[in-house]
Amino acid sequence: MIYLNTKPIVKPKKKPKAEREQYAAWCAKYGIDPSGKTKKKKDVIRNITLPGTVYKPFIRETVKYPSLDTGHKGAVTTGLKKHTYTGDKMLGVATMHKSNMVPIFNDESAVDVAQMRR
């Protein structure tokens, strides 16, 4: 695919040299940059503090509520539930994909898992 730039670029024409010099002289008279760009003043001092004043930040007063002491020491956990199979109907465990363990309850499901493709 070919992309074409069909919009013409129109550059502004330069004014005659005498007119540009006259404009530059007028800008110099009033302290203006002839290019139209503004300059930032670097000598402006911000954050002026008066002598003898003390800056004290405002700190909000908040009520601190102590937590309830139950007398228990150490971490509080409920423990993990261990999943174990206690029945006798399961024939075994098969790995279906990567480490996906699948319980096998009959011979037909064992054949199905064994014949699955990747």
PDB file of N, CA and C in Angstrom:
ATOM      1  N   MET A   1       0.850  -1.170   0.000  1.00  0.00           N
ATOM      2  CA  MET A   1       0.000   0.000   0.000  1.00  0.00           C
ATOM      3  C   MET A   1       0.900   1.238   0.000  1.00  0.00           C
ATOM      4  N   ILE A   2       0.537   2.203  -0.793  1.00  0.00           N
ATOM      5  CA  ILE A   2       1.323   3.424  -0.914  1.00  0.00           C
ATOM      6  C   ILE A   2       0.519   4.564  -0.309  1.00  0.00           C
ATOM      7  N   TYR A   3       1.167   5.312   0.566  1.00  0.00           N
ATOM      8  CA  TYR A   3       0.528   6.468   1.183  1.00  0.00           C
ATOM      9  C   TYR A   3       1.095   7.731   0.544  1.00  0.00           C
ATOM     10  N   LEU A   4       0.216   8.606   0.148  1.00  0.00           N
ATOM     11  CA  LEU A   4       0.639   9.851  -0.476  1.00  0.00           C
ATOM     12  C   LEU A   4       0.214  11.031   0.387  1.00  0.00           C
ATOM     13  N   ASN A   5       1.105  11.985   0.498  1.00  0.00           N
ATOM     14  CA  ASN A   5       0.780  13.207   1.203  1.00  0.00           C
ATOM     15  C   ASN A   5       0.302  14.204   0.151  1.00  0.00           C
ATOM     16  N   THR A   6      -1.002  14.344   0.037  1.00  0.00           N
ATOM     17  CA  THR A   6      -1.542  15.198  -1.009  1.00  0.00           C
ATOM     18  C   THR A   6      -1.810  16.621  -0.550  1.00  0.00           C
ATOM     19  N   LYS A   7      -1.619  16.870   0.745  1.00  0.00           N
ATOM     20  CA  LYS A   7      -1.855  18.233   1.237  1.00  0.00           C
ATOM     21  C   LYS A   7      -0.600  19.076   1.001  1.00  0.00           C
ATOM     22  N   PRO A   8      -0.742  20.208   0.335  1.00  0.00           N
ATOM     23  CA  PRO A   8       0.444  21.042   0.103  1.00  0.00           C
ATOM     24  C   PRO A   8       0.851  21.760   1.391  1.00  0.00           C
ATOM     25  N   ILE A   9       2.147  21.864   1.609  1.00  0.00           N
ATOM     26  CA  ILE A   9       2.668  22.575   2.774  1.00  0.00           C
ATOM     27  C   ILE A   9       2.928  24.012   2.333  1.00  0.00           C
ATOM     28  N   VAL A  10       2.230  24.934   2.938  1.00  0.00           N
ATOM     29  CA  VAL A  10       2.370  26.341   2.589  1.00  0.00           C
ATOM     30  C   VAL A  10       3.167  27.019   3.685  1.00  0.00           C
ATOM     31  N   LYS A  11       4.361  27.456   3.347  1.00  0.00           N
ATOM     32  CA  LYS A  11       5.196  28.149   4.317  1.00  0.00           C
ATOM     33  C   LYS A  11       4.915  29.647   4.211  1.00  0.00           C
ATOM     34  N   PRO A  12       4.895  30.319   5.379  1.00  0.00           N
ATOM     35  CA  PRO A  12       4.670  31.764   5.313  1.00  0.00           C
ATOM     36  C   PRO A  12       5.865  32.454   4.650  1.00  0.00           C
ATOM     37  N   LYS A  13       5.555  33.458   3.849  1.00  0.00           N
ATOM     38  CA  LYS A  13       6.612  34.176   3.143  1.00  0.00           C
ATOM     39  C   LYS A  13       7.269  35.167   4.083  1.00  0.00           C
ATOM     40  N   LYS A  14       8.579  35.368   3.891  1.00  0.00           N
ATOM     41  CA  LYS A  14       9.309  36.326   4.718  1.00  0.00           C
ATOM     42  C   LYS A  14       8.972  37.742   4.271  1.00  0.00           C
ATOM     43  N   LYS A  15       8.895  38.589   5.280  1.00  0.00           N
ATOM     44  CA  LYS A  15       8.655  39.999   4.970  1.00  0.00           C
ATOM     45  C   LYS A  15       9.967  40.625   4.507  1.00  0.00           C
ATOM     46  N   PRO A  16       9.903  41.727   3.843  1.00  0.00           N
ATOM     47  CA  PRO A  16      11.140  42.374   3.380  1.00  0.00           C
ATOM     48  C   PRO A  16      12.063  42.715   4.552  1.00  0.00           C
ATOM     49  N   LYS A  17      13.373  42.768   4.263  1.00  0.00           N
ATOM     50  CA  LYS A  17      14.380  42.979   5.302  1.00  0.00           C
ATOM     51  C   LYS A  17      14.175  44.297   6.022  1.00  0.00           C
ATOM     52  N   ALA A  18      13.804  45.353   5.315  1.00  0.00           N
ATOM     53  CA  ALA A  18      13.605  46.664   5.942  1.00  0.00           C
ATOM     54  C   ALA A  18      12.457  46.591   6.960  1.00  0.00           C
ATOM     55  N   GLU A  19      11.377  45.874   6.610  1.00  0.00           N
ATOM     56  CA  GLU A  19      10.239  45.764   7.505  1.00  0.00           C
ATOM     57  C   GLU A  19      10.592  44.920   8.741  1.00  0.00           C
ATOM     58  N   ARG A  20      11.403  43.856   8.544  1.00  0.00           N
ATOM     59  CA  ARG A  20      11.826  43.027   9.675  1.00  0.00           C
ATOM     60  C   ARG A  20      12.722  43.808  10.626  1.00  0.00           C
ATOM     61  N   GLU A  21      13.622  44.624  10.093  1.00  0.00           N
ATOM     62  CA  GLU A  21      14.502  45.444  10.936  1.00  0.00           C
ATOM     63  C   GLU A  21      13.703  46.491  11.704  1.00  0.00           C
ATOM     64  N   GLN A  22      12.697  47.068  11.067  1.00  0.00           N
ATOM     65  CA  GLN A  22      11.853  48.065  11.730  1.00  0.00           C
ATOM     66  C   GLN A  22      11.083  47.406  12.889  1.00  0.00           C
ATOM     67  N   TYR A  23      10.586  46.174  12.670  1.00  0.00           N
ATOM     68  CA  TYR A  23       9.856  45.466  13.719  1.00  0.00           C
ATOM     69  C   TYR A  23      10.791  45.093  14.871  1.00  0.00           C
ATOM     70  N   ALA A  24      12.040  44.688  14.540  1.00  0.00           N
ATOM     71  CA  ALA A  24      13.010  44.339  15.575  1.00  0.00           C
ATOM     72  C   ALA A  24      13.361  45.554  16.422  1.00  0.00           C
ATOM     73  N   ALA A  25      13.465  46.729  15.796  1.00  0.00           N
ATOM     74  CA  ALA A  25      13.760  47.959  16.541  1.00  0.00           C
ATOM     75  C   ALA A  25      12.594  48.309  17.460  1.00  0.00           C
ATOM     76  N   TRP A  26      11.381  48.145  16.971  1.00  0.00           N
ATOM     77  CA  TRP A  26      10.191  48.430  17.804  1.00  0.00           C
ATOM     78  C   TRP A  26      10.140  47.466  18.999  1.00  0.00           C
ATOM     79  N   CYS A  27      10.445  46.167  18.769  1.00  0.00           N
ATOM     80  CA  CYS A  27      10.446  45.184  19.855  1.00  0.00           C
ATOM     81  C   CYS A  27      11.520  45.499  20.886  1.00  0.00           C
ATOM     82  N   ALA A  28      12.694  45.939  20.422  1.00  0.00           N
ATOM     83  CA  ALA A  28      13.777  46.284  21.340  1.00  0.00           C
ATOM     84  C   ALA A  28      13.403  47.485  22.188  1.00  0.00           C
ATOM     85  N   LYS A  29      12.641  48.402  21.637  1.00  0.00           N
ATOM     86  CA  LYS A  29      12.214  49.597  22.366  1.00  0.00           C
ATOM     87  C   LYS A  29      11.325  49.222  23.552  1.00  0.00           C
ATOM     88  N   TYR A  30      10.458  48.212  23.367  1.00  0.00           N
ATOM     89  CA  TYR A  30       9.530  47.802  24.417  1.00  0.00           C
ATOM     90  C   TYR A  30       9.980  46.550  25.185  1.00  0.00           C
ATOM     91  N   GLY A  31      11.166  46.026  24.864  1.00  0.00           N
ATOM     92  CA  GLY A  31      11.697  44.872  25.581  1.00  0.00           C
ATOM     93  C   GLY A  31      11.005  43.569  25.244  1.00  0.00           C
ATOM     94  N   ILE A  32      10.625  43.418  23.986  1.00  0.00           N
ATOM     95  CA  ILE A  32       9.937  42.212  23.534  1.00  0.00           C
ATOM     96  C   ILE A  32      10.871  41.421  22.636  1.00  0.00           C
ATOM     97  N   ASP A  33      10.777  40.082  22.717  1.00  0.00           N
ATOM     98  CA  ASP A  33      11.569  39.224  21.836  1.00  0.00           C
ATOM     99  C   ASP A  33      10.907  39.223  20.457  1.00  0.00           C
ATOM    100  N   PRO A  34      11.630  39.545  19.398  1.00  0.00           N
ATOM    101  CA  PRO A  34      11.021  39.611  18.063  1.00  0.00           C
ATOM    102  C   PRO A  34      10.465  38.270  17.569  1.00  0.00           C
ATOM    103  N   SER A  35      10.991  37.141  18.073  1.00  0.00           N
ATOM    104  CA  SER A  35      10.497  35.842  17.612  1.00  0.00           C
ATOM    105  C   SER A  35       9.145  35.502  18.229  1.00  0.00           C
ATOM    106  N   GLY A  36       8.731  36.216  19.257  1.00  0.00           N
ATOM    107  CA  GLY A  36       7.438  35.968  19.884  1.00  0.00           C
ATOM    108  C   GLY A  36       7.511  34.990  21.040  1.00  0.00           C
ATOM    109  N   LYS A  37       8.708  34.462  21.334  1.00  0.00           N
ATOM    110  CA  LYS A  37       8.854  33.522  22.429  1.00  0.00           C
ATOM    111  C   LYS A  37       8.990  34.282  23.746  1.00  0.00           C
ATOM    112  N   THR A  38       8.434  33.705  24.786  1.00  0.00           N
ATOM    113  CA  THR A  38       8.539  34.328  26.106  1.00  0.00           C
ATOM    114  C   THR A  38       9.624  33.627  26.905  1.00  0.00           C
ATOM    115  N   LYS A  39      10.298  34.371  27.742  1.00  0.00           N
ATOM    116  CA  LYS A  39      11.350  33.822  28.579  1.00  0.00           C
ATOM    117  C   LYS A  39      10.873  33.813  30.028  1.00  0.00           C
ATOM    118  N   LYS A  40      11.268  32.758  30.736  1.00  0.00           N
ATOM    119  CA  LYS A  40      10.927  32.680  32.148  1.00  0.00           C
ATOM    120  C   LYS A  40      11.964  33.454  32.944  1.00  0.00           C
ATOM    121  N   LYS A  41      11.493  34.168  33.917  1.00  0.00           N
ATOM    122  CA  LYS A  41      12.405  34.913  34.762  1.00  0.00           C
ATOM    123  C   LYS A  41      12.959  33.980  35.821  1.00  0.00           C
ATOM    124  N   LYS A  42      14.280  33.882  35.891  1.00  0.00           N
ATOM    125  CA  LYS A  42      14.915  32.982  36.834  1.00  0.00           C
ATOM    126  C   LYS A  42      15.187  33.647  38.179  1.00  0.00           C
ATOM    127  N   ASP A  43      15.171  34.966  38.218  1.00  0.00           N
ATOM    128  CA  ASP A  43      15.525  35.652  39.449  1.00  0.00           C
ATOM    129  C   ASP A  43      14.326  35.880  40.373  1.00  0.00           C
ATOM    130  N   VAL A  44      13.178  35.318  40.051  1.00  0.00           N
ATOM    131  CA  VAL A  44      12.004  35.462  40.906  1.00  0.00           C
ATOM    132  C   VAL A  44      12.131  34.487  42.067  1.00  0.00           C
ATOM    133  N   ILE A  45      12.006  34.984  43.275  1.00  0.00           N
ATOM    134  CA  ILE A  45      12.120  34.143  44.459  1.00  0.00           C
ATOM    135  C   ILE A  45      10.724  33.729  44.893  1.00  0.00           C
ATOM    136  N   ARG A  46      10.534  32.430  44.997  1.00  0.00           N
ATOM    137  CA  ARG A  46       9.258  31.914  45.450  1.00  0.00           C
ATOM    138  C   ARG A  46       9.428  31.420  46.871  1.00  0.00           C
ATOM    139  N   ASN A  47       8.324  31.172  47.545  1.00  0.00           N
ATOM    140  CA  ASN A  47       8.315  30.698  48.932  1.00  0.00           C
ATOM    141  C   ASN A  47       9.031  31.689  49.855  1.00  0.00           C
ATOM    142  N   ILE A  48       8.593  32.908  49.809  1.00  0.00           N
ATOM    143  CA  ILE A  48       9.186  33.946  50.641  1.00  0.00           C
ATOM    144  C   ILE A  48       8.635  33.803  52.056  1.00  0.00           C
ATOM    145  N   THR A  49       9.545  33.769  53.034  1.00  0.00           N
ATOM    146  CA  THR A  49       9.123  33.727  54.436  1.00  0.00           C
ATOM    147  C   THR A  49       9.571  35.018  55.104  1.00  0.00           C
ATOM    148  N   LEU A  50       8.715  35.558  55.918  1.00  0.00           N
ATOM    149  CA  LEU A  50       9.043  36.787  56.619  1.00  0.00           C
ATOM    150  C   LEU A  50       9.918  36.468  57.815  1.00  0.00           C
ATOM    151  N   PRO A  51      10.846  37.346  58.159  1.00  0.00           N
ATOM    152  CA  PRO A  51      11.696  37.083  59.315  1.00  0.00           C
ATOM    153  C   PRO A  51      10.878  37.109  60.603  1.00  0.00           C
ATOM    154  N   GLY A  52      11.192  36.219  61.517  1.00  0.00           N
ATOM    155  CA  GLY A  52      10.508  36.176  62.804  1.00  0.00           C
ATOM    156  C   GLY A  52       9.263  35.304  62.802  1.00  0.00           C
ATOM    157  N   THR A  53       8.872  34.759  61.632  1.00  0.00           N
ATOM    158  CA  THR A  53       7.693  33.893  61.605  1.00  0.00           C
ATOM    159  C   THR A  53       8.148  32.447  61.684  1.00  0.00           C
ATOM    160  N   VAL A  54       7.376  31.642  62.381  1.00  0.00           N
ATOM    161  CA  VAL A  54       7.701  30.226  62.531  1.00  0.00           C
ATOM    162  C   VAL A  54       6.623  29.431  61.827  1.00  0.00           C
ATOM    163  N   TYR A  55       7.048  28.546  60.964  1.00  0.00           N
ATOM    164  CA  TYR A  55       6.103  27.706  60.235  1.00  0.00           C
ATOM    165  C   TYR A  55       5.833  26.464  61.061  1.00  0.00           C
ATOM    166  N   LYS A  56       4.571  26.238  61.370  1.00  0.00           N
ATOM    167  CA  LYS A  56       4.175  25.056  62.126  1.00  0.00           C
ATOM    168  C   LYS A  56       3.104  24.336  61.324  1.00  0.00           C
ATOM    169  N   PRO A  57       3.383  23.114  60.883  1.00  0.00           N
ATOM    170  CA  PRO A  57       2.388  22.410  60.082  1.00  0.00           C
ATOM    171  C   PRO A  57       1.178  22.025  60.915  1.00  0.00           C
ATOM    172  N   PHE A  58       0.026  22.000  60.260  1.00  0.00           N
ATOM    173  CA  PHE A  58      -1.211  21.616  60.944  1.00  0.00           C
ATOM    174  C   PHE A  58      -1.290  20.104  61.009  1.00  0.00           C
ATOM    175  N   ILE A  59      -1.446  19.582  62.208  1.00  0.00           N
ATOM    176  CA  ILE A  59      -1.571  18.146  62.404  1.00  0.00           C
ATOM    177  C   ILE A  59      -2.925  17.886  63.046  1.00  0.00           C
ATOM    178  N   ARG A  60      -3.711  17.057  62.391  1.00  0.00           N
ATOM    179  CA  ARG A  60      -5.042  16.752  62.884  1.00  0.00           C
ATOM    180  C   ARG A  60      -4.933  15.813  64.082  1.00  0.00           C
ATOM    181  N   GLU A  61      -5.687  16.084  65.111  1.00  0.00           N
ATOM    182  CA  GLU A  61      -5.695  15.237  66.287  1.00  0.00           C
ATOM    183  C   GLU A  61      -6.655  14.073  66.048  1.00  0.00           C
ATOM    184  N   THR A  62      -6.142  12.860  66.199  1.00  0.00           N
ATOM    185  CA  THR A  62      -6.976  11.683  66.007  1.00  0.00           C
ATOM    186  C   THR A  62      -6.943  10.842  67.277  1.00  0.00           C
ATOM    187  N   VAL A  63      -8.054  10.197  67.531  1.00  0.00           N
ATOM    188  CA  VAL A  63      -8.153   9.346  68.707  1.00  0.00           C
ATOM    189  C   VAL A  63      -7.584   7.980  68.364  1.00  0.00           C
ATOM    190  N   LYS A  64      -6.708   7.461  69.218  1.00  0.00           N
ATOM    191  CA  LYS A  64      -6.111   6.153  68.985  1.00  0.00           C
ATOM    192  C   LYS A  64      -6.820   5.147  69.887  1.00  0.00           C
ATOM    193  N   TYR A  65      -7.425   4.149  69.258  1.00  0.00           N
ATOM    194  CA  TYR A  65      -8.141   3.119  69.997  1.00  0.00           C
ATOM    195  C   TYR A  65      -7.236   1.893  70.141  1.00  0.00           C
ATOM    196  N   PRO A  66      -6.935   1.459  71.376  1.00  0.00           N
ATOM    197  CA  PRO A  66      -6.087   0.277  71.539  1.00  0.00           C
ATOM    198  C   PRO A  66      -6.846  -0.988  71.160  1.00  0.00           C
ATOM    199  N   SER A  67      -6.111  -1.973  70.616  1.00  0.00           N
ATOM    200  CA  SER A  67      -6.752  -3.224  70.242  1.00  0.00           C
ATOM    201  C   SER A  67      -6.990  -4.072  71.492  1.00  0.00           C
ATOM    202  N   LEU A  68      -7.932  -4.992  71.391  1.00  0.00           N
ATOM    203  CA  LEU A  68      -8.320  -5.833  72.513  1.00  0.00           C
ATOM    204  C   LEU A  68      -7.257  -6.904  72.750  1.00  0.00           C
ATOM    205  N   ASP A  69      -6.800  -7.014  73.988  1.00  0.00           N
ATOM    206  CA  ASP A  69      -5.802  -8.019  74.342  1.00  0.00           C
ATOM    207  C   ASP A  69      -6.524  -9.266  74.843  1.00  0.00           C
ATOM    208  N   THR A  70      -6.434 -10.363  74.089  1.00  0.00           N
ATOM    209  CA  THR A  70      -7.105 -11.605  74.487  1.00  0.00           C
ATOM    210  C   THR A  70      -6.187 -12.514  75.263  1.00  0.00           C
ATOM    211  N   GLY A  71      -4.919 -12.188  75.371  1.00  0.00           N
ATOM    212  CA  GLY A  71      -3.982 -13.026  76.097  1.00  0.00           C
ATOM    213  C   GLY A  71      -3.341 -14.093  75.234  1.00  0.00           C
ATOM    214  N   HIS A  72      -3.721 -14.182  73.962  1.00  0.00           N
ATOM    215  CA  HIS A  72      -3.166 -15.193  73.066  1.00  0.00           C
ATOM    216  C   HIS A  72      -1.826 -14.713  72.522  1.00  0.00           C
ATOM    217  N   LYS A  73      -0.831 -15.570  72.527  1.00  0.00           N
ATOM    218  CA  LYS A  73       0.492 -15.226  72.008  1.00  0.00           C
ATOM    219  C   LYS A  73       0.721 -15.982  70.705  1.00  0.00           C
ATOM    220  N   GLY A  74       1.323 -15.358  69.747  1.00  0.00           N
ATOM    221  CA  GLY A  74       1.631 -16.004  68.475  1.00  0.00           C
ATOM    222  C   GLY A  74       0.590 -15.688  67.421  1.00  0.00           C
ATOM    223  N   ALA A  75       0.749 -16.328  66.269  1.00  0.00           N
ATOM    224  CA  ALA A  75      -0.141 -16.083  65.137  1.00  0.00           C
ATOM    225  C   ALA A  75      -1.478 -16.786  65.350  1.00  0.00           C
ATOM    226  N   VAL A  76      -2.530 -16.168  64.840  1.00  0.00           N
ATOM    227  CA  VAL A  76      -3.866 -16.740  64.955  1.00  0.00           C
ATOM    228  C   VAL A  76      -4.252 -17.284  63.586  1.00  0.00           C
ATOM    229  N   THR A  77      -4.339 -18.621  63.463  1.00  0.00           N
ATOM    230  CA  THR A  77      -4.748 -19.252  62.222  1.00  0.00           C
ATOM    231  C   THR A  77      -5.726 -20.368  62.533  1.00  0.00           C
ATOM    232  N   THR A  78      -6.522 -20.708  61.562  1.00  0.00           N
ATOM    233  CA  THR A  78      -7.484 -21.801  61.747  1.00  0.00           C
ATOM    234  C   THR A  78      -6.917 -23.117  61.263  1.00  0.00           C
ATOM    235  N   GLY A  79      -5.795 -23.102  60.581  1.00  0.00           N
ATOM    236  CA  GLY A  79      -5.198 -24.328  60.076  1.00  0.00           C
ATOM    237  C   GLY A  79      -5.739 -24.670  58.705  1.00  0.00           C
ATOM    238  N   LEU A  80      -5.028 -25.535  57.997  1.00  0.00           N
ATOM    239  CA  LEU A  80      -5.431 -25.949  56.658  1.00  0.00           C
ATOM    240  C   LEU A  80      -6.235 -27.235  56.738  1.00  0.00           C
ATOM    241  N   LYS A  81      -7.247 -27.341  55.912  1.00  0.00           N
ATOM    242  CA  LYS A  81      -8.015 -28.580  55.838  1.00  0.00           C
ATOM    243  C   LYS A  81      -7.310 -29.510  54.861  1.00  0.00           C
ATOM    244  N   LYS A  82      -7.008 -30.723  55.304  1.00  0.00           N
ATOM    245  CA  LYS A  82      -6.347 -31.687  54.439  1.00  0.00           C
ATOM    246  C   LYS A  82      -7.409 -32.494  53.711  1.00  0.00           C
ATOM    247  N   HIS A  83      -7.295 -32.537  52.391  1.00  0.00           N
ATOM    248  CA  HIS A  83      -8.242 -33.254  51.566  1.00  0.00           C
ATOM    249  C   HIS A  83      -7.716 -34.683  51.364  1.00  0.00           C
ATOM    250  N   THR A  84      -8.383 -35.647  51.920  1.00  0.00           N
ATOM    251  CA  THR A  84      -7.992 -37.044  51.757  1.00  0.00           C
ATOM    252  C   THR A  84      -9.213 -37.846  51.326  1.00  0.00           C
ATOM    253  N   TYR A  85      -8.945 -38.863  50.542  1.00  0.00           N
ATOM    254  CA  TYR A  85     -10.018 -39.751  50.088  1.00  0.00           C
ATOM    255  C   TYR A  85      -9.985 -41.010  50.936  1.00  0.00           C
ATOM    256  N   THR A  86     -11.107 -41.325  51.550  1.00  0.00           N
ATOM    257  CA  THR A  86     -11.146 -42.471  52.453  1.00  0.00           C
ATOM    258  C   THR A  86     -11.969 -43.624  51.893  1.00  0.00           C
ATOM    259  N   GLY A  87     -12.523 -43.478  50.681  1.00  0.00           N
ATOM    260  CA  GLY A  87     -13.361 -44.535  50.120  1.00  0.00           C
ATOM    261  C   GLY A  87     -12.546 -45.598  49.402  1.00  0.00           C
ATOM    262  N   ASP A  88     -13.237 -46.630  48.880  1.00  0.00           N
ATOM    263  CA  ASP A  88     -12.543 -47.701  48.186  1.00  0.00           C
ATOM    264  C   ASP A  88     -12.972 -47.815  46.726  1.00  0.00           C
ATOM    265  N   LYS A  89     -13.767 -46.835  46.215  1.00  0.00           N
ATOM    266  CA  LYS A  89     -14.233 -46.896  44.827  1.00  0.00           C
ATOM    267  C   LYS A  89     -13.208 -46.312  43.857  1.00  0.00           C
ATOM    268  N   MET A  90     -12.254 -45.492  44.340  1.00  0.00           N
ATOM    269  CA  MET A  90     -11.284 -44.851  43.462  1.00  0.00           C
ATOM    270  C   MET A  90     -10.182 -45.848  43.110  1.00  0.00           C
ATOM    271  N   LEU A  91      -9.909 -45.976  41.802  1.00  0.00           N
ATOM    272  CA  LEU A  91      -8.874 -46.895  41.350  1.00  0.00           C
ATOM    273  C   LEU A  91      -7.486 -46.264  41.396  1.00  0.00           C
ATOM    274  N   GLY A  92      -7.428 -44.969  41.113  1.00  0.00           N
ATOM    275  CA  GLY A  92      -6.126 -44.307  41.109  1.00  0.00           C
ATOM    276  C   GLY A  92      -6.242 -42.858  40.687  1.00  0.00           C
ATOM    277  N   VAL A  93      -5.090 -42.263  40.416  1.00  0.00           N
ATOM    278  CA  VAL A  93      -5.016 -40.847  40.022  1.00  0.00           C
ATOM    279  C   VAL A  93      -4.251 -40.772  38.713  1.00  0.00           C
ATOM    280  N   ALA A  94      -4.798 -40.004  37.757  1.00  0.00           N
ATOM    281  CA  ALA A  94      -4.142 -39.843  36.456  1.00  0.00           C
ATOM    282  C   ALA A  94      -3.756 -38.382  36.270  1.00  0.00           C
ATOM    283  N   THR A  95      -2.697 -38.173  35.493  1.00  0.00           N
ATOM    284  CA  THR A  95      -2.280 -36.816  35.157  1.00  0.00           C
ATOM    285  C   THR A  95      -2.811 -36.508  33.774  1.00  0.00           C
ATOM    286  N   MET A  96      -3.737 -35.537  33.693  1.00  0.00           N
ATOM    287  CA  MET A  96      -4.373 -35.247  32.408  1.00  0.00           C
ATOM    288  C   MET A  96      -3.510 -34.301  31.580  1.00  0.00           C
ATOM    289  N   HIS A  97      -3.142 -33.138  32.111  1.00  0.00           N
ATOM    290  CA  HIS A  97      -2.347 -32.161  31.367  1.00  0.00           C
ATOM    291  C   HIS A  97      -1.394 -31.491  32.337  1.00  0.00           C
ATOM    292  N   LYS A  98      -0.132 -31.592  32.044  1.00  0.00           N
ATOM    293  CA  LYS A  98       0.928 -31.080  32.917  1.00  0.00           C
ATOM    294  C   LYS A  98       0.765 -31.684  34.304  1.00  0.00           C
ATOM    295  N   SER A  99       0.370 -30.923  35.282  1.00  0.00           N
ATOM    296  CA  SER A  99       0.252 -31.476  36.631  1.00  0.00           C
ATOM    297  C   SER A  99      -1.197 -31.465  37.109  1.00  0.00           C
ATOM    298  N   ASN A 100      -2.140 -31.593  36.199  1.00  0.00           N
ATOM    299  CA  ASN A 100      -3.550 -31.624  36.558  1.00  0.00           C
ATOM    300  C   ASN A 100      -3.921 -33.053  36.946  1.00  0.00           C
ATOM    301  N   MET A 101      -4.083 -33.288  38.233  1.00  0.00           N
ATOM    302  CA  MET A 101      -4.370 -34.630  38.736  1.00  0.00           C
ATOM    303  C   MET A 101      -5.877 -34.887  38.681  1.00  0.00           C
ATOM    304  N   VAL A 102      -6.270 -36.056  38.130  1.00  0.00           N
ATOM    305  CA  VAL A 102      -7.673 -36.414  37.955  1.00  0.00           C
ATOM    306  C   VAL A 102      -7.908 -37.770  38.618  1.00  0.00           C
ATOM    307  N   PRO A 103      -8.947 -37.868  39.458  1.00  0.00           N
ATOM    308  CA  PRO A 103      -9.219 -39.176  40.065  1.00  0.00           C
ATOM    309  C   PRO A 103      -9.850 -40.123  39.042  1.00  0.00           C
ATOM    310  N   ILE A 104      -9.503 -41.398  39.133  1.00  0.00           N
ATOM    311  CA  ILE A 104     -10.035 -42.426  38.236  1.00  0.00           C
ATOM    312  C   ILE A 104     -10.898 -43.379  39.075  1.00  0.00           C
ATOM    313  N   PHE A 105     -12.186 -43.488  38.701  1.00  0.00           N
ATOM    314  CA  PHE A 105     -13.108 -44.324  39.457  1.00  0.00           C
ATOM    315  C   PHE A 105     -13.478 -45.617  38.734  1.00  0.00           C
ATOM    316  N   ASN A 106     -13.273 -45.680  37.418  1.00  0.00           N
ATOM    317  CA  ASN A 106     -13.571 -46.932  36.698  1.00  0.00           C
ATOM    318  C   ASN A 106     -12.600 -47.098  35.534  1.00  0.00           C
ATOM    319  N   ASP A 107     -12.617 -48.262  34.916  1.00  0.00           N
ATOM    320  CA  ASP A 107     -11.684 -48.567  33.829  1.00  0.00           C
ATOM    321  C   ASP A 107     -11.944 -47.708  32.595  1.00  0.00           C
ATOM    322  N   GLU A 108     -13.205 -47.382  32.361  1.00  0.00           N
ATOM    323  CA  GLU A 108     -13.551 -46.575  31.179  1.00  0.00           C
ATOM    324  C   GLU A 108     -12.934 -45.175  31.257  1.00  0.00           C
ATOM    325  N   SER A 109     -12.990 -44.524  32.414  1.00  0.00           N
ATOM    326  CA  SER A 109     -12.393 -43.190  32.550  1.00  0.00           C
ATOM    327  C   SER A 109     -10.874 -43.261  32.458  1.00  0.00           C
ATOM    328  N   ALA A 110     -10.277 -44.383  32.888  1.00  0.00           N
ATOM    329  CA  ALA A 110      -8.826 -44.543  32.760  1.00  0.00           C
ATOM    330  C   ALA A 110      -8.429 -44.633  31.301  1.00  0.00           C
ATOM    331  N   VAL A 111      -9.197 -45.349  30.488  1.00  0.00           N
ATOM    332  CA  VAL A 111      -8.915 -45.461  29.051  1.00  0.00           C
ATOM    333  C   VAL A 111      -9.102 -44.108  28.377  1.00  0.00           C
ATOM    334  N   ASP A 112     -10.151 -43.368  28.764  1.00  0.00           N
ATOM    335  CA  ASP A 112     -10.412 -42.049  28.181  1.00  0.00           C
ATOM    336  C   ASP A 112      -9.248 -41.089  28.429  1.00  0.00           C
ATOM    337  N   VAL A 113      -8.736 -41.072  29.654  1.00  0.00           N
ATOM    338  CA  VAL A 113      -7.627 -40.172  29.982  1.00  0.00           C
ATOM    339  C   VAL A 113      -6.381 -40.593  29.241  1.00  0.00           C
ATOM    340  N   ALA A 114      -6.151 -41.893  29.103  1.00  0.00           N
ATOM    341  CA  ALA A 114      -4.958 -42.387  28.432  1.00  0.00           C
ATOM    342  C   ALA A 114      -4.981 -42.085  26.937  1.00  0.00           C
ATOM    343  N   GLN A 115      -6.160 -41.999  26.307  1.00  0.00           N
ATOM    344  CA  GLN A 115      -6.257 -41.760  24.874  1.00  0.00           C
ATOM    345  C   GLN A 115      -6.374 -40.282  24.500  1.00  0.00           C
ATOM    346  N   MET A 116      -6.398 -39.401  25.487  1.00  0.00           N
ATOM    347  CA  MET A 116      -6.500 -37.961  25.172  1.00  0.00           C
ATOM    348  C   MET A 116      -5.231 -37.474  24.511  1.00  0.00           C
ATOM    349  N   ARG A 117      -5.425 -36.617  23.509  1.00  0.00           N
ATOM    350  CA  ARG A 117      -4.277 -36.040  22.815  1.00  0.00           C
ATOM    351  C   ARG A 117      -3.891 -34.721  23.463  1.00  0.00           C
ATOM    352  N   ARG A 118      -2.717 -34.274  23.131  1.00  0.00           N
ATOM    353  CA  ARG A 118      -2.252 -33.008  23.686  1.00  0.00           C
ATOM    354  C   ARG A 118      -2.842 -31.853  22.948  1.00  0.00           C
TER     355      ARG A 118
END
